[in-house]
């Protein structure tokens, strides 16, 4: 019984971690347009 519970918890934690990684990767690709006023300063 205890082994099954640990396996279930491990599975849930793995799914949460994979969800976090996939959303981080999606946002990592996003690069907003830099406003013209800031581009001139760079």
Protein backbone atom coordinates (compact mmCIF):
# COMPACT_ATOMS: atom_id res chain seq x y z
CA UNK A 1 0.00 0.00 0.00
CA UNK A 2 2.73 2.46 0.96
CA UNK A 3 4.71 1.65 -2.21
CA UNK A 4 1.65 2.41 -4.37
CA UNK A 5 1.13 5.71 -2.60
CA UNK A 6 4.76 6.71 -3.17
CA UNK A 7 4.49 5.77 -6.85
CA UNK A 8 1.35 7.90 -7.17
CA UNK A 9 3.02 10.89 -5.50
CA UNK A 10 6.09 10.50 -7.72
CA UNK A 11 3.88 10.43 -10.81
CA UNK A 12 1.98 13.55 -9.79
CA UNK A 13 5.19 15.43 -8.98
CA UNK A 14 6.66 14.41 -12.35
CA UNK A 15 3.58 15.69 -14.19
CA UNK A 16 3.75 19.01 -12.34
CA UNK A 17 7.44 19.36 -13.16
CA UNK A 18 6.87 18.58 -16.85
CA UNK A 19 4.07 21.15 -17.00
CA UNK A 20 6.34 23.78 -15.48
CA UNK A 21 9.13 23.03 -17.94
CA UNK A 22 6.89 23.11 -20.99
CA UNK A 23 5.46 26.54 -20.10
CA UNK A 24 8.93 27.89 -19.37
CA UNK A 25 10.13 26.73 -22.77
CA UNK A 26 7.22 28.39 -24.51
CA UNK A 27 7.95 31.72 -22.82
CA UNK A 28 11.69 31.34 -23.45
CA UNK A 29 11.11 31.62 -27.19
CA UNK A 30 9.05 34.82 -26.90
CA UNK A 31 10.96 38.03 -27.60
CA UNK A 32 8.90 41.22 -27.49
CA UNK A 33 9.51 44.04 -29.96
CA UNK A 34 11.86 46.68 -28.55
CA UNK A 35 10.40 50.21 -28.74
CA UNK A 36 12.17 52.63 -31.08
CA UNK A 37 13.07 55.03 -28.24
CA UNK A 38 14.95 52.32 -26.38
CA UNK A 39 16.67 51.03 -29.54
CA UNK A 40 18.19 54.47 -30.13
CA UNK A 41 19.75 54.45 -26.65
CA UNK A 42 21.35 51.05 -27.18
